[in-house]
Amino acid sequence: MALVVLVVHEERPEAVAQADALAAVLVGDGHQVNRSDDPGFTTTGMDDATDLVVSLGGDGSILRAVDLLDGRSAPILGVKPRRTGVSGHRGARRRPRFGGSGTGRRTRS
């Protein structure tokens, strides 16, 4: 199976939670997972056998993943976790309603 390295932003609880969930699925499917937030993690674990690097955090985590690869060839998937309950946008936009009178005039609700 595949060797997947998770580069986790340890100070973001949502990144750690998503890394936990992703690692559980990957291990359950028979893949090997190395996590940057594990105490014994070293870059020597990131050799040419690494099949995928998943960066969970933000731009800095992606840059850290590139730095950890140190020229090795492996694809990087960047994921920016959202906090639970945050929809990712600044607020729902209201959709215009069209009047039912057949006049074609729009009315805002």
PDB file of N, CA and C in Angstrom:
ATOM      1  N   MET A   1       0.829  -1.183   0.000  1.00  0.00           N
ATOM      2  CA  MET A   1       0.000   0.000   0.000  1.00  0.00           C
ATOM      3  C   MET A   1       0.875   1.248   0.000  1.00  0.00           C
ATOM      4  N   ALA A   2       0.231   2.406   0.138  1.00  0.00           N
ATOM      5  CA  ALA A   2       0.925   3.686   0.011  1.00  0.00           C
ATOM      6  C   ALA A   2       1.480   4.181   1.343  1.00  0.00           C
ATOM      7  N   LEU A   3       2.550   4.964   1.246  1.00  0.00           N
ATOM      8  CA  LEU A   3       3.091   5.686   2.391  1.00  0.00           C
ATOM      9  C   LEU A   3       2.642   7.130   2.254  1.00  0.00           C
ATOM     10  N   VAL A   4       1.843   7.600   3.216  1.00  0.00           N
ATOM     11  CA  VAL A   4       1.308   8.958   3.198  1.00  0.00           C
ATOM     12  C   VAL A   4       1.869   9.708   4.400  1.00  0.00           C
ATOM     13  N   VAL A   5       2.434  10.880   4.154  1.00  0.00           N
ATOM     14  CA  VAL A   5       2.956  11.723   5.216  1.00  0.00           C
ATOM     15  C   VAL A   5       1.980  12.878   5.423  1.00  0.00           C
ATOM     16  N   LEU A   6       1.526  13.058   6.658  1.00  0.00           N
ATOM     17  CA  LEU A   6       0.637  14.159   7.009  1.00  0.00           C
ATOM     18  C   LEU A   6       1.458  15.247   7.689  1.00  0.00           C
ATOM     19  N   VAL A   7       1.490  16.425   7.087  1.00  0.00           N
ATOM     20  CA  VAL A   7       2.152  17.581   7.691  1.00  0.00           C
ATOM     21  C   VAL A   7       1.050  18.401   8.344  1.00  0.00           C
ATOM     22  N   VAL A   8       1.066  18.427   9.682  1.00  0.00           N
ATOM     23  CA  VAL A   8      -0.047  18.970  10.453  1.00  0.00           C
ATOM     24  C   VAL A   8       0.360  20.241  11.180  1.00  0.00           C
ATOM     25  N   HIS A   9      -0.473  21.268  11.080  1.00  0.00           N
ATOM     26  CA  HIS A   9      -0.267  22.488  11.864  1.00  0.00           C
ATOM     27  C   HIS A   9      -0.769  22.197  13.278  1.00  0.00           C
ATOM     28  N   GLU A  10       0.165  21.944  14.179  1.00  0.00           N
ATOM     29  CA  GLU A  10      -0.165  21.470  15.520  1.00  0.00           C
ATOM     30  C   GLU A  10      -0.969  22.459  16.356  1.00  0.00           C
ATOM     31  N   GLU A  11      -0.898  23.742  16.011  1.00  0.00           N
ATOM     32  CA  GLU A  11      -1.589  24.760  16.806  1.00  0.00           C
ATOM     33  C   GLU A  11      -3.003  25.028  16.316  1.00  0.00           C
ATOM     34  N   ARG A  12      -3.432  24.311  15.293  1.00  0.00           N
ATOM     35  CA  ARG A  12      -4.798  24.459  14.798  1.00  0.00           C
ATOM     36  C   ARG A  12      -5.579  23.196  15.151  1.00  0.00           C
ATOM     37  N   PRO A  13      -6.464  23.279  16.125  1.00  0.00           N
ATOM     38  CA  PRO A  13      -7.211  22.083  16.546  1.00  0.00           C
ATOM     39  C   PRO A  13      -7.987  21.429  15.409  1.00  0.00           C
ATOM     40  N   GLU A  14      -8.509  22.234  14.488  1.00  0.00           N
ATOM     41  CA  GLU A  14      -9.253  21.658  13.370  1.00  0.00           C
ATOM     42  C   GLU A  14      -8.343  20.880  12.427  1.00  0.00           C
ATOM     43  N   ALA A  15      -7.089  21.299  12.290  1.00  0.00           N
ATOM     44  CA  ALA A  15      -6.131  20.567  11.458  1.00  0.00           C
ATOM     45  C   ALA A  15      -5.765  19.244  12.115  1.00  0.00           C
ATOM     46  N   VAL A  16      -5.582  19.264  13.422  1.00  0.00           N
ATOM     47  CA  VAL A  16      -5.250  18.035  14.149  1.00  0.00           C
ATOM     48  C   VAL A  16      -6.418  17.052  14.083  1.00  0.00           C
ATOM     49  N   ALA A  17      -7.641  17.561  14.250  1.00  0.00           N
ATOM     50  CA  ALA A  17      -8.827  16.696  14.191  1.00  0.00           C
ATOM     51  C   ALA A  17      -8.982  16.071  12.808  1.00  0.00           C
ATOM     52  N   GLN A  18      -8.769  16.858  11.773  1.00  0.00           N
ATOM     53  CA  GLN A  18      -8.881  16.301  10.423  1.00  0.00           C
ATOM     54  C   GLN A  18      -7.752  15.325  10.130  1.00  0.00           C
ATOM     55  N   ALA A  19      -6.574  15.577  10.671  1.00  0.00           N
ATOM     56  CA  ALA A  19      -5.462  14.636  10.499  1.00  0.00           C
ATOM     57  C   ALA A  19      -5.776  13.317  11.193  1.00  0.00           C
ATOM     58  N   ASP A  20      -6.372  13.403  12.377  1.00  0.00           N
ATOM     59  CA  ASP A  20      -6.775  12.179  13.097  1.00  0.00           C
ATOM     60  C   ASP A  20      -7.753  11.363  12.256  1.00  0.00           C
ATOM     61  N   ALA A  21      -8.762  12.032  11.711  1.00  0.00           N
ATOM     62  CA  ALA A  21      -9.780  11.342  10.917  1.00  0.00           C
ATOM     63  C   ALA A  21      -9.177  10.755   9.640  1.00  0.00           C
ATOM     64  N   LEU A  22      -8.342  11.534   8.962  1.00  0.00           N
ATOM     65  CA  LEU A  22      -7.726  11.059   7.723  1.00  0.00           C
ATOM     66  C   LEU A  22      -6.799   9.881   7.990  1.00  0.00           C
ATOM     67  N   ALA A  23      -5.999   9.975   9.045  1.00  0.00           N
ATOM     68  CA  ALA A  23      -5.078   8.888   9.389  1.00  0.00           C
ATOM     69  C   ALA A  23      -5.845   7.604   9.690  1.00  0.00           C
ATOM     70  N   ALA A  24      -6.961   7.719  10.396  1.00  0.00           N
ATOM     71  CA  ALA A  24      -7.760   6.534  10.730  1.00  0.00           C
ATOM     72  C   ALA A  24      -8.280   5.853   9.468  1.00  0.00           C
ATOM     73  N   VAL A  25      -8.742   6.633   8.513  1.00  0.00           N
ATOM     74  CA  VAL A  25      -9.243   6.065   7.259  1.00  0.00           C
ATOM     75  C   VAL A  25      -8.112   5.415   6.470  1.00  0.00           C
ATOM     76  N   LEU A  26      -6.988   6.121   6.376  1.00  0.00           N
ATOM     77  CA  LEU A  26      -5.860   5.594   5.599  1.00  0.00           C
ATOM     78  C   LEU A  26      -5.319   4.300   6.212  1.00  0.00           C
ATOM     79  N   VAL A  27      -5.140   4.286   7.519  1.00  0.00           N
ATOM     80  CA  VAL A  27      -4.645   3.078   8.193  1.00  0.00           C
ATOM     81  C   VAL A  27      -5.663   1.950   8.053  1.00  0.00           C
ATOM     82  N   GLY A  28      -6.938   2.287   8.165  1.00  0.00           N
ATOM     83  CA  GLY A  28      -7.991   1.290   7.995  1.00  0.00           C
ATOM     84  C   GLY A  28      -7.995   0.667   6.614  1.00  0.00           C
ATOM     85  N   ASP A  29      -7.538   1.436   5.628  1.00  0.00           N
ATOM     86  CA  ASP A  29      -7.443   0.927   4.256  1.00  0.00           C
ATOM     87  C   ASP A  29      -6.112   0.251   3.979  1.00  0.00           C
ATOM     88  N   GLY A  30      -5.264   0.135   5.007  1.00  0.00           N
ATOM     89  CA  GLY A  30      -4.004  -0.591   4.859  1.00  0.00           C
ATOM     90  C   GLY A  30      -2.804   0.250   4.467  1.00  0.00           C
ATOM     91  N   HIS A  31      -2.926   1.567   4.508  1.00  0.00           N
ATOM     92  CA  HIS A  31      -1.805   2.443   4.151  1.00  0.00           C
ATOM     93  C   HIS A  31      -0.972   2.753   5.389  1.00  0.00           C
ATOM     94  N   GLN A  32       0.274   3.112   5.154  1.00  0.00           N
ATOM     95  CA  GLN A  32       1.158   3.540   6.230  1.00  0.00           C
ATOM     96  C   GLN A  32       1.094   5.057   6.318  1.00  0.00           C
ATOM     97  N   VAL A  33       0.972   5.577   7.533  1.00  0.00           N
ATOM     98  CA  VAL A  33       0.856   7.023   7.741  1.00  0.00           C
ATOM     99  C   VAL A  33       1.951   7.487   8.691  1.00  0.00           C
ATOM    100  N   ASN A  34       2.682   8.517   8.291  1.00  0.00           N
ATOM    101  CA  ASN A  34       3.632   9.211   9.164  1.00  0.00           C
ATOM    102  C   ASN A  34       3.109  10.623   9.350  1.00  0.00           C
ATOM    103  N   ARG A  35       3.109  11.089  10.602  1.00  0.00           N
ATOM    104  CA  ARG A  35       2.584  12.423  10.908  1.00  0.00           C
ATOM    105  C   ARG A  35       3.674  13.313  11.459  1.00  0.00           C
ATOM    106  N   SER A  36       3.692  14.560  10.987  1.00  0.00           N
ATOM    107  CA  SER A  36       4.698  15.509  11.459  1.00  0.00           C
ATOM    108  C   SER A  36       4.494  15.887  12.919  1.00  0.00           C
ATOM    109  N   ASP A  37       3.286  15.692  13.455  1.00  0.00           N
ATOM    110  CA  ASP A  37       3.044  16.034  14.849  1.00  0.00           C
ATOM    111  C   ASP A  37       3.288  14.869  15.809  1.00  0.00           C
ATOM    112  N   ASP A  38       3.756  13.739  15.290  1.00  0.00           N
ATOM    113  CA  ASP A  38       4.162  12.630  16.159  1.00  0.00           C
ATOM    114  C   ASP A  38       5.525  12.948  16.765  1.00  0.00           C
ATOM    115  N   PRO A  39       5.729  12.643  18.057  1.00  0.00           N
ATOM    116  CA  PRO A  39       7.005  12.969  18.712  1.00  0.00           C
ATOM    117  C   PRO A  39       8.231  12.365  18.020  1.00  0.00           C
ATOM    118  N   GLY A  40       8.100  11.180  17.435  1.00  0.00           N
ATOM    119  CA  GLY A  40       9.253  10.528  16.823  1.00  0.00           C
ATOM    120  C   GLY A  40       9.434  10.838  15.344  1.00  0.00           C
ATOM    121  N   PHE A  41       8.683  11.811  14.818  1.00  0.00           N
ATOM    122  CA  PHE A  41       8.767  12.118  13.385  1.00  0.00           C
ATOM    123  C   PHE A  41      10.105  12.740  13.034  1.00  0.00           C
ATOM    124  N   THR A  42      10.724  12.202  11.992  1.00  0.00           N
ATOM    125  CA  THR A  42      11.945  12.798  11.445  1.00  0.00           C
ATOM    126  C   THR A  42      11.819  12.841   9.935  1.00  0.00           C
ATOM    127  N   THR A  43      12.584  13.703   9.317  1.00  0.00           N
ATOM    128  CA  THR A  43      12.521  13.809   7.866  1.00  0.00           C
ATOM    129  C   THR A  43      13.120  12.585   7.185  1.00  0.00           C
ATOM    130  N   THR A  44      13.846  11.754   7.934  1.00  0.00           N
ATOM    131  CA  THR A  44      14.381  10.535   7.321  1.00  0.00           C
ATOM    132  C   THR A  44      13.246   9.575   6.972  1.00  0.00           C
ATOM    133  N   GLY A  45      12.076   9.773   7.606  1.00  0.00           N
ATOM    134  CA  GLY A  45      10.911   8.974   7.261  1.00  0.00           C
ATOM    135  C   GLY A  45      10.318   9.368   5.924  1.00  0.00           C
ATOM    136  N   MET A  46      10.751  10.505   5.414  1.00  0.00           N
ATOM    137  CA  MET A  46      10.267  10.975   4.122  1.00  0.00           C
ATOM    138  C   MET A  46      11.313  10.652   3.063  1.00  0.00           C
ATOM    139  N   ASP A  47      11.293   9.444   2.602  1.00  0.00           N
ATOM    140  CA  ASP A  47      12.260   9.049   1.583  1.00  0.00           C
ATOM    141  C   ASP A  47      11.557   8.937   0.240  1.00  0.00           C
ATOM    142  N   ASP A  48      12.219   8.351  -0.702  1.00  0.00           N
ATOM    143  CA  ASP A  48      11.641   8.214  -2.033  1.00  0.00           C
ATOM    144  C   ASP A  48      10.443   7.275  -2.058  1.00  0.00           C
ATOM    145  N   ALA A  49      10.208   6.558  -0.970  1.00  0.00           N
ATOM    146  CA  ALA A  49       9.052   5.669  -0.889  1.00  0.00           C
ATOM    147  C   ALA A  49       7.771   6.433  -0.551  1.00  0.00           C
ATOM    148  N   THR A  50       7.884   7.726  -0.206  1.00  0.00           N
ATOM    149  CA  THR A  50       6.706   8.524   0.113  1.00  0.00           C
ATOM    150  C   THR A  50       5.861   8.687  -1.143  1.00  0.00           C
ATOM    151  N   ASP A  51       4.598   8.255  -1.044  1.00  0.00           N
ATOM    152  CA  ASP A  51       3.701   8.322  -2.193  1.00  0.00           C
ATOM    153  C   ASP A  51       2.902   9.613  -2.254  1.00  0.00           C
ATOM    154  N   LEU A  52       2.610  10.200  -1.088  1.00  0.00           N
ATOM    155  CA  LEU A  52       1.786  11.402  -1.037  1.00  0.00           C
ATOM    156  C   LEU A  52       2.077  12.138   0.255  1.00  0.00           C
ATOM    157  N   VAL A  53       2.109  13.469   0.162  1.00  0.00           N
ATOM    158  CA  VAL A  53       2.221  14.325   1.341  1.00  0.00           C
ATOM    159  C   VAL A  53       0.935  15.149   1.401  1.00  0.00           C
ATOM    160  N   VAL A  54       0.259  15.094   2.539  1.00  0.00           N
ATOM    161  CA  VAL A  54      -0.949  15.889   2.737  1.00  0.00           C
ATOM    162  C   VAL A  54      -0.629  16.943   3.783  1.00  0.00           C
ATOM    163  N   SER A  55      -0.772  18.202   3.398  1.00  0.00           N
ATOM    164  CA  SER A  55      -0.505  19.319   4.286  1.00  0.00           C
ATOM    165  C   SER A  55      -1.828  19.823   4.840  1.00  0.00           C
ATOM    166  N   LEU A  56      -1.983  19.772   6.165  1.00  0.00           N
ATOM    167  CA  LEU A  56      -3.207  20.227   6.827  1.00  0.00           C
ATOM    168  C   LEU A  56      -2.880  21.459   7.648  1.00  0.00           C
ATOM    169  N   GLY A  57      -3.283  22.600   7.178  1.00  0.00           N
ATOM    170  CA  GLY A  57      -2.991  23.861   7.850  1.00  0.00           C
ATOM    171  C   GLY A  57      -3.294  24.992   6.895  1.00  0.00           C
ATOM    172  N   GLY A  58      -2.288  25.733   6.552  1.00  0.00           N
ATOM    173  CA  GLY A  58      -2.453  26.838   5.616  1.00  0.00           C
ATOM    174  C   GLY A  58      -1.245  26.925   4.714  1.00  0.00           C
ATOM    175  N   ASP A  59      -0.976  28.118   4.240  1.00  0.00           N
ATOM    176  CA  ASP A  59       0.163  28.317   3.341  1.00  0.00           C
ATOM    177  C   ASP A  59       1.481  27.917   3.999  1.00  0.00           C
ATOM    178  N   GLY A  60       1.624  28.246   5.268  1.00  0.00           N
ATOM    179  CA  GLY A  60       2.852  27.900   5.977  1.00  0.00           C
ATOM    180  C   GLY A  60       3.060  26.401   6.072  1.00  0.00           C
ATOM    181  N   SER A  61       1.975  25.658   6.228  1.00  0.00           N
ATOM    182  CA  SER A  61       2.085  24.194   6.299  1.00  0.00           C
ATOM    183  C   SER A  61       2.499  23.608   4.958  1.00  0.00           C
ATOM    184  N   ILE A  62       2.024  24.204   3.880  1.00  0.00           N
ATOM    185  CA  ILE A  62       2.438  23.732   2.555  1.00  0.00           C
ATOM    186  C   ILE A  62       3.925  24.008   2.352  1.00  0.00           C
ATOM    187  N   LEU A  63       4.367  25.196   2.755  1.00  0.00           N
ATOM    188  CA  LEU A  63       5.795  25.518   2.629  1.00  0.00           C
ATOM    189  C   LEU A  63       6.632  24.583   3.497  1.00  0.00           C
ATOM    190  N   ARG A  64       6.117  24.243   4.664  1.00  0.00           N
ATOM    191  CA  ARG A  64       6.826  23.296   5.533  1.00  0.00           C
ATOM    192  C   ARG A  64       6.920  21.927   4.861  1.00  0.00           C
ATOM    193  N   ALA A  65       5.841  21.497   4.207  1.00  0.00           N
ATOM    194  CA  ALA A  65       5.851  20.205   3.510  1.00  0.00           C
ATOM    195  C   ALA A  65       6.896  20.199   2.395  1.00  0.00           C
ATOM    196  N   VAL A  66       6.970  21.296   1.651  1.00  0.00           N
ATOM    197  CA  VAL A  66       7.979  21.396   0.585  1.00  0.00           C
ATOM    198  C   VAL A  66       9.379  21.333   1.184  1.00  0.00           C
ATOM    199  N   ASP A  67       9.580  22.033   2.300  1.00  0.00           N
ATOM    200  CA  ASP A  67      10.877  22.027   2.968  1.00  0.00           C
ATOM    201  C   ASP A  67      11.237  20.632   3.473  1.00  0.00           C
ATOM    202  N   LEU A  68      10.247  19.920   4.037  1.00  0.00           N
ATOM    203  CA  LEU A  68      10.502  18.571   4.541  1.00  0.00           C
ATOM    204  C   LEU A  68      10.840  17.601   3.419  1.00  0.00           C
ATOM    205  N   LEU A  69      10.247  17.791   2.256  1.00  0.00           N
ATOM    206  CA  LEU A  69      10.564  16.913   1.124  1.00  0.00           C
ATOM    207  C   LEU A  69      12.007  17.092   0.664  1.00  0.00           C
ATOM    208  N   ASP A  70      12.525  18.297   0.790  1.00  0.00           N
ATOM    209  CA  ASP A  70      13.935  18.579   0.497  1.00  0.00           C
ATOM    210  C   ASP A  70      14.375  18.005  -0.853  1.00  0.00           C
ATOM    211  N   GLY A  71      13.578  18.278  -1.880  1.00  0.00           N
ATOM    212  CA  GLY A  71      13.945  17.856  -3.230  1.00  0.00           C
ATOM    213  C   GLY A  71      13.449  16.483  -3.624  1.00  0.00           C
ATOM    214  N   ARG A  72      12.914  15.717  -2.681  1.00  0.00           N
ATOM    215  CA  ARG A  72      12.371  14.404  -3.035  1.00  0.00           C
ATOM    216  C   ARG A  72      11.117  14.597  -3.872  1.00  0.00           C
ATOM    217  N   SER A  73      10.823  13.626  -4.673  1.00  0.00           N
ATOM    218  CA  SER A  73       9.692  13.718  -5.581  1.00  0.00           C
ATOM    219  C   SER A  73       8.466  13.024  -4.978  1.00  0.00           C
ATOM    220  N   ALA A  74       7.474  13.823  -4.583  1.00  0.00           N
ATOM    221  CA  ALA A  74       6.203  13.288  -4.096  1.00  0.00           C
ATOM    222  C   ALA A  74       5.155  14.387  -4.265  1.00  0.00           C
ATOM    223  N   PRO A  75       3.958  14.025  -4.645  1.00  0.00           N
ATOM    224  CA  PRO A  75       2.908  15.046  -4.766  1.00  0.00           C
ATOM    225  C   PRO A  75       2.490  15.559  -3.387  1.00  0.00           C
ATOM    226  N   ILE A  76       2.118  16.838  -3.349  1.00  0.00           N
ATOM    227  CA  ILE A  76       1.642  17.462  -2.116  1.00  0.00           C
ATOM    228  C   ILE A  76       0.198  17.894  -2.329  1.00  0.00           C
ATOM    229  N   LEU A  77      -0.654  17.481  -1.405  1.00  0.00           N
ATOM    230  CA  LEU A  77      -2.049  17.907  -1.408  1.00  0.00           C
ATOM    231  C   LEU A  77      -2.229  18.854  -0.233  1.00  0.00           C
ATOM    232  N   GLY A  78      -2.579  20.103  -0.512  1.00  0.00           N
ATOM    233  CA  GLY A  78      -2.781  21.089   0.541  1.00  0.00           C
ATOM    234  C   GLY A  78      -4.244  21.196   0.918  1.00  0.00           C
ATOM    235  N   VAL A  79      -4.518  21.097   2.219  1.00  0.00           N
ATOM    236  CA  VAL A  79      -5.878  21.205   2.729  1.00  0.00           C
ATOM    237  C   VAL A  79      -5.893  22.273   3.811  1.00  0.00           C
ATOM    238  N   LYS A  80      -6.778  23.257   3.638  1.00  0.00           N
ATOM    239  CA  LYS A  80      -6.916  24.291   4.669  1.00  0.00           C
ATOM    240  C   LYS A  80      -8.183  23.976   5.456  1.00  0.00           C
ATOM    241  N   PRO A  81      -8.014  23.402   6.626  1.00  0.00           N
ATOM    242  CA  PRO A  81      -9.187  23.021   7.428  1.00  0.00           C
ATOM    243  C   PRO A  81      -9.974  24.241   7.894  1.00  0.00           C
ATOM    244  N   ARG A  82     -11.265  24.056   7.986  1.00  0.00           N
ATOM    245  CA  ARG A  82     -12.148  25.093   8.514  1.00  0.00           C
ATOM    246  C   ARG A  82     -12.578  24.698   9.908  1.00  0.00           C
ATOM    247  N   ARG A  83     -12.866  25.689  10.693  1.00  0.00           N
ATOM    248  CA  ARG A  83     -13.389  25.400  12.034  1.00  0.00           C
ATOM    249  C   ARG A  83     -14.783  24.801  11.894  1.00  0.00           C
ATOM    250  N   THR A  84     -15.119  23.923  12.807  1.00  0.00           N
ATOM    251  CA  THR A  84     -16.435  23.310  12.792  1.00  0.00           C
ATOM    252  C   THR A  84     -17.497  24.397  12.938  1.00  0.00           C
ATOM    253  N   GLY A  85     -18.486  24.343  12.072  1.00  0.00           N
ATOM    254  CA  GLY A  85     -19.575  25.302  12.139  1.00  0.00           C
ATOM    255  C   GLY A  85     -19.373  26.530  11.285  1.00  0.00           C
ATOM    256  N   VAL A  86     -18.197  26.711  10.734  1.00  0.00           N
ATOM    257  CA  VAL A  86     -17.946  27.851   9.872  1.00  0.00           C
ATOM    258  C   VAL A  86     -18.166  27.407   8.433  1.00  0.00           C
ATOM    259  N   SER A  87     -19.003  28.132   7.740  1.00  0.00           N
ATOM    260  CA  SER A  87     -19.381  27.703   6.404  1.00  0.00           C
ATOM    261  C   SER A  87     -18.387  28.124   5.334  1.00  0.00           C
ATOM    262  N   GLY A  88     -17.475  28.995   5.676  1.00  0.00           N
ATOM    263  CA  GLY A  88     -16.463  29.380   4.706  1.00  0.00           C
ATOM    264  C   GLY A  88     -16.790  30.641   3.941  1.00  0.00           C
ATOM    265  N   HIS A  89     -17.930  31.235   4.217  1.00  0.00           N
ATOM    266  CA  HIS A  89     -18.218  32.506   3.572  1.00  0.00           C
ATOM    267  C   HIS A  89     -18.678  33.503   4.611  1.00  0.00           C
ATOM    268  N   ARG A  90     -18.743  34.769   4.227  1.00  0.00           N
ATOM    269  CA  ARG A  90     -18.973  35.834   5.200  1.00  0.00           C
ATOM    270  C   ARG A  90     -20.431  36.034   5.551  1.00  0.00           C
ATOM    271  N   GLY A  91     -21.283  35.345   4.922  1.00  0.00           N
ATOM    272  CA  GLY A  91     -22.702  35.494   5.215  1.00  0.00           C
ATOM    273  C   GLY A  91     -23.515  35.088   4.008  1.00  0.00           C
ATOM    274  N   ALA A  92     -24.698  34.642   4.266  1.00  0.00           N
ATOM    275  CA  ALA A  92     -25.555  34.202   3.167  1.00  0.00           C
ATOM    276  C   ALA A  92     -26.058  35.414   2.402  1.00  0.00           C
ATOM    277  N   ARG A  93     -25.933  35.337   1.097  1.00  0.00           N
ATOM    278  CA  ARG A  93     -26.504  36.386   0.264  1.00  0.00           C
ATOM    279  C   ARG A  93     -27.959  36.055   0.015  1.00  0.00           C
ATOM    280  N   ARG A  94     -28.742  37.068   0.013  1.00  0.00           N
ATOM    281  CA  ARG A  94     -30.146  36.848  -0.288  1.00  0.00           C
ATOM    282  C   ARG A  94     -30.330  36.761  -1.793  1.00  0.00           C
ATOM    283  N   ARG A  95     -31.089  35.793  -2.191  1.00  0.00           N
ATOM    284  CA  ARG A  95     -31.391  35.664  -3.612  1.00  0.00           C
ATOM    285  C   ARG A  95     -32.616  36.514  -3.930  1.00  0.00           C
ATOM    286  N   PRO A  96     -32.580  37.195  -5.051  1.00  0.00           N
ATOM    287  CA  PRO A  96     -33.750  37.997  -5.396  1.00  0.00           C
ATOM    288  C   PRO A  96     -34.947  37.103  -5.715  1.00  0.00           C
ATOM    289  N   ARG A  97     -36.101  37.552  -5.297  1.00  0.00           N
ATOM    290  CA  ARG A  97     -37.327  36.845  -5.636  1.00  0.00           C
ATOM    291  C   ARG A  97     -38.020  37.596  -6.753  1.00  0.00           C
ATOM    292  N   PHE A  98     -38.638  36.852  -7.583  1.00  0.00           N
ATOM    293  CA  PHE A  98     -39.379  37.461  -8.666  1.00  0.00           C
ATOM    294  C   PHE A  98     -40.840  37.498  -8.284  1.00  0.00           C
ATOM    295  N   GLY A  99     -41.467  38.640  -8.534  1.00  0.00           N
ATOM    296  CA  GLY A  99     -42.888  38.786  -8.216  1.00  0.00           C
ATOM    297  C   GLY A  99     -43.727  37.823  -9.031  1.00  0.00           C
ATOM    298  N   GLY A 100     -44.778  37.341  -8.449  1.00  0.00           N
ATOM    299  CA  GLY A 100     -45.633  36.364  -9.114  1.00  0.00           C
ATOM    300  C   GLY A 100     -46.726  37.000  -9.946  1.00  0.00           C
ATOM    301  N   SER A 101     -46.701  38.319 -10.105  1.00  0.00           N
ATOM    302  CA  SER A 101     -47.782  38.986 -10.822  1.00  0.00           C
ATOM    303  C   SER A 101     -47.590  38.962 -12.330  1.00  0.00           C
ATOM    304  N   GLY A 102     -46.467  38.439 -12.781  1.00  0.00           N
ATOM    305  CA  GLY A 102     -46.218  38.408 -14.227  1.00  0.00           C
ATOM    306  C   GLY A 102     -45.646  39.691 -14.763  1.00  0.00           C
ATOM    307  N   THR A 103     -45.311  40.632 -13.872  1.00  0.00           N
ATOM    308  CA  THR A 103     -44.774  41.907 -14.326  1.00  0.00           C
ATOM    309  C   THR A 103     -43.301  41.836 -14.657  1.00  0.00           C
ATOM    310  N   GLY A 104     -42.627  40.773 -14.149  1.00  0.00           N
ATOM    311  CA  GLY A 104     -41.191  40.624 -14.409  1.00  0.00           C
ATOM    312  C   GLY A 104     -40.344  41.488 -13.507  1.00  0.00           C
ATOM    313  N   ARG A 105     -40.963  42.239 -12.613  1.00  0.00           N
ATOM    314  CA  ARG A 105     -40.187  43.072 -11.681  1.00  0.00           C
ATOM    315  C   ARG A 105     -39.655  42.207 -10.556  1.00  0.00           C
ATOM    316  N   ARG A 106     -38.414  42.492 -10.189  1.00  0.00           N
ATOM    317  CA  ARG A 106     -37.816  41.772  -9.067  1.00  0.00           C
ATOM    318  C   ARG A 106     -38.116  42.485  -7.781  1.00  0.00           C
ATOM    319  N   THR A 107     -38.307  41.698  -6.742  1.00  0.00           N
ATOM    320  CA  THR A 107     -38.431  42.271  -5.405  1.00  0.00           C
ATOM    321  C   THR A 107     -37.411  41.581  -4.515  1.00  0.00           C
ATOM    322  N   ARG A 108     -36.773  42.361  -3.689  1.00  0.00           N
ATOM    323  CA  ARG A 108     -35.804  41.771  -2.751  1.00  0.00           C
ATOM    324  C   ARG A 108     -36.518  41.444  -1.466  1.00  0.00           C
ATOM    325  N   SER A 109     -36.115  40.303  -0.894  1.00  0.00           N
ATOM    326  CA  SER A 109     -36.707  39.920   0.387  1.00  0.00           C
ATOM    327  C   SER A 109     -35.823  40.369   1.512  1.00  0.00           C
TER     328      SER A 109
END
